[in-house]
Each structure stands twice: as C-alpha cells, then as structure tokens.
Protein backbone atom coordinates (compact mmCIF):
# COMPACT_ATOMS: atom_id res chain seq x y z
CA UNK A 1 85.09 113.95 102.06
CA UNK A 2 87.54 112.82 99.77
CA UNK A 3 86.91 112.02 95.93
CA UNK A 4 87.09 107.83 95.52
CA UNK A 5 89.12 107.54 92.22
CA UNK A 6 88.44 103.96 91.14
CA UNK A 7 91.27 103.71 89.08
CA UNK A 8 95.09 103.37 89.23
CA UNK A 9 96.52 106.61 87.14
CA UNK A 10 99.55 105.02 86.59
CA UNK A 11 98.19 101.74 84.96
CA UNK A 12 94.57 102.11 84.86
CA UNK A 13 94.12 98.93 87.08
CA UNK A 14 90.11 99.40 88.58
CA UNK A 15 90.20 100.23 92.42
CA UNK A 16 86.59 99.98 93.44
CA UNK A 17 85.28 102.17 97.16
CA UNK A 18 86.25 98.96 98.79
CA UNK A 19 90.18 98.23 97.84
CA UNK A 20 92.75 97.86 99.90
CA UNK A 21 95.15 98.44 97.32
CA UNK A 22 94.35 101.99 96.84
CA UNK A 23 96.81 104.45 97.43
CA UNK A 24 96.37 108.20 97.96
CA UNK A 25 98.99 111.24 98.49
CA UNK A 26 97.74 114.72 100.18
CA UNK A 27 96.34 116.07 96.98
CA UNK A 28 94.51 112.51 96.48
CA UNK A 29 96.75 111.21 93.38
CA UNK A 30 95.46 107.68 93.45
CA UNK A 31 97.91 104.82 92.50
CA UNK A 32 97.50 101.02 92.99
CA UNK A 33 99.78 99.35 95.56
CA UNK A 34 101.93 97.54 93.61
CA UNK A 35 102.59 100.98 91.52
CA UNK A 36 103.49 102.98 94.54
CA UNK A 37 105.71 100.40 95.88
CA UNK A 38 107.80 99.08 92.80
CA UNK A 39 107.79 101.84 90.78
CA UNK A 40 107.25 105.09 92.20
CA UNK A 41 108.78 103.97 95.82
CA UNK A 42 106.09 106.22 97.59
CA UNK A 43 106.91 109.29 95.21
CA UNK A 44 103.64 111.12 94.19
CA UNK A 45 104.76 111.31 90.56
CA UNK A 46 102.35 114.88 90.71
CA UNK A 47 103.17 116.48 93.99
CA UNK A 48 106.22 114.50 95.66
CA UNK A 49 104.46 113.87 98.37
CA UNK A 50 104.26 110.71 99.96
CA UNK A 51 101.38 108.07 100.12
CA UNK A 52 98.71 106.61 102.52
CA UNK A 53 96.22 103.86 101.84
CA UNK A 54 93.02 105.30 100.40
CA UNK A 55 90.31 104.98 103.55
CA UNK A 56 87.60 102.28 102.28
CA UNK A 57 83.69 103.27 101.72
CA UNK A 58 81.76 101.05 102.99
CA UNK A 59 78.77 99.42 100.34
CA UNK A 60 76.24 101.41 102.74
CA UNK A 61 77.38 104.43 102.01
CA UNK A 62 78.06 104.17 98.41
CA UNK A 63 73.98 105.65 97.23
CA UNK A 64 74.60 108.72 99.63
CA UNK A 65 78.24 109.37 98.86
CA UNK A 66 78.74 107.56 95.21
CA UNK A 67 82.75 107.25 94.03
CA UNK A 68 83.75 109.41 91.72
CA UNK A 69 83.55 109.06 88.25
CA UNK A 70 86.42 110.98 87.41
CA UNK A 71 89.02 108.80 85.60
CA UNK A 72 92.41 109.71 85.52
CA UNK A 73 95.39 107.64 83.45
CA UNK A 74 98.29 109.43 82.41
CA UNK A 75 100.98 106.66 82.77
CA UNK A 76 104.47 108.13 83.88
CA UNK A 77 107.26 108.69 81.89
CA UNK A 78 110.04 106.65 83.71
CA UNK A 79 112.44 108.31 82.33
CA UNK A 80 111.16 112.32 83.52
CA UNK A 81 110.53 110.66 87.01
CA UNK A 82 114.07 109.32 87.62
CA UNK A 83 115.24 112.99 88.17
CA UNK A 84 111.92 113.49 90.91
CA UNK A 85 113.18 109.78 92.07
CA UNK A 86 116.28 110.72 93.30
CA UNK A 87 114.77 113.09 94.73
CA UNK A 88 112.92 112.94 97.21
CA UNK A 89 112.95 108.56 97.55
CA UNK A 90 115.51 108.84 100.43
CA UNK A 91 113.79 111.22 102.24
CA UNK A 92 110.67 111.03 104.81
CA UNK A 93 107.23 112.49 103.05
CA UNK A 94 107.33 114.43 106.12
CA UNK A 95 110.48 116.24 105.55
CA UNK A 96 110.29 116.94 101.67
C-alpha cells in the first residue's frame, strides 16, 4: 500500500487522503496539482520522474489504513531546479 502523505512537499498545502489535488511520482513524492502544473511542469524535483494522480483513500478504510503522519516540507530551490527542468520537461516521463 502506498504511503498517503497529507501535504505538498513544496508549498505545504494540506492534501487529505480524499484529496483529488494530490499528485505523486513513482517514489511517492507528494505535491499539489497546482505546484506540479505551474512550477514543476510534471518533473519531480527529487527523482526527475513524472506525476500521476494520487489514489483517493475512501473514508471507510482510514481507520484500518491511516494516512501517514510523515510530513515532508522542503520547498524547491527554483534556480537549481531550472537545470533539471530544462533537461526533462520536453521528454515524456516514460522516456526520461
């Protein structure tokens, strides 16, 4: 089961387990849709991968499978990220 992290790593926006705004990469780095689309341009600053919608965890499962209490908040260094963005933004995630 994936780790349901409840905040955006870049802007710290709350992303509850039922949020449709949560996006994850293959390593479960978690960002809000706004950061993914406007800042990251579908390039994970941690691994260079792309993002997909995070599955929504239905409320009935939260007692058995609670969301993670692990919070990661490390806003990207926009200047440093530009190098990675230039390298990957025009390449499909499956071909990076």
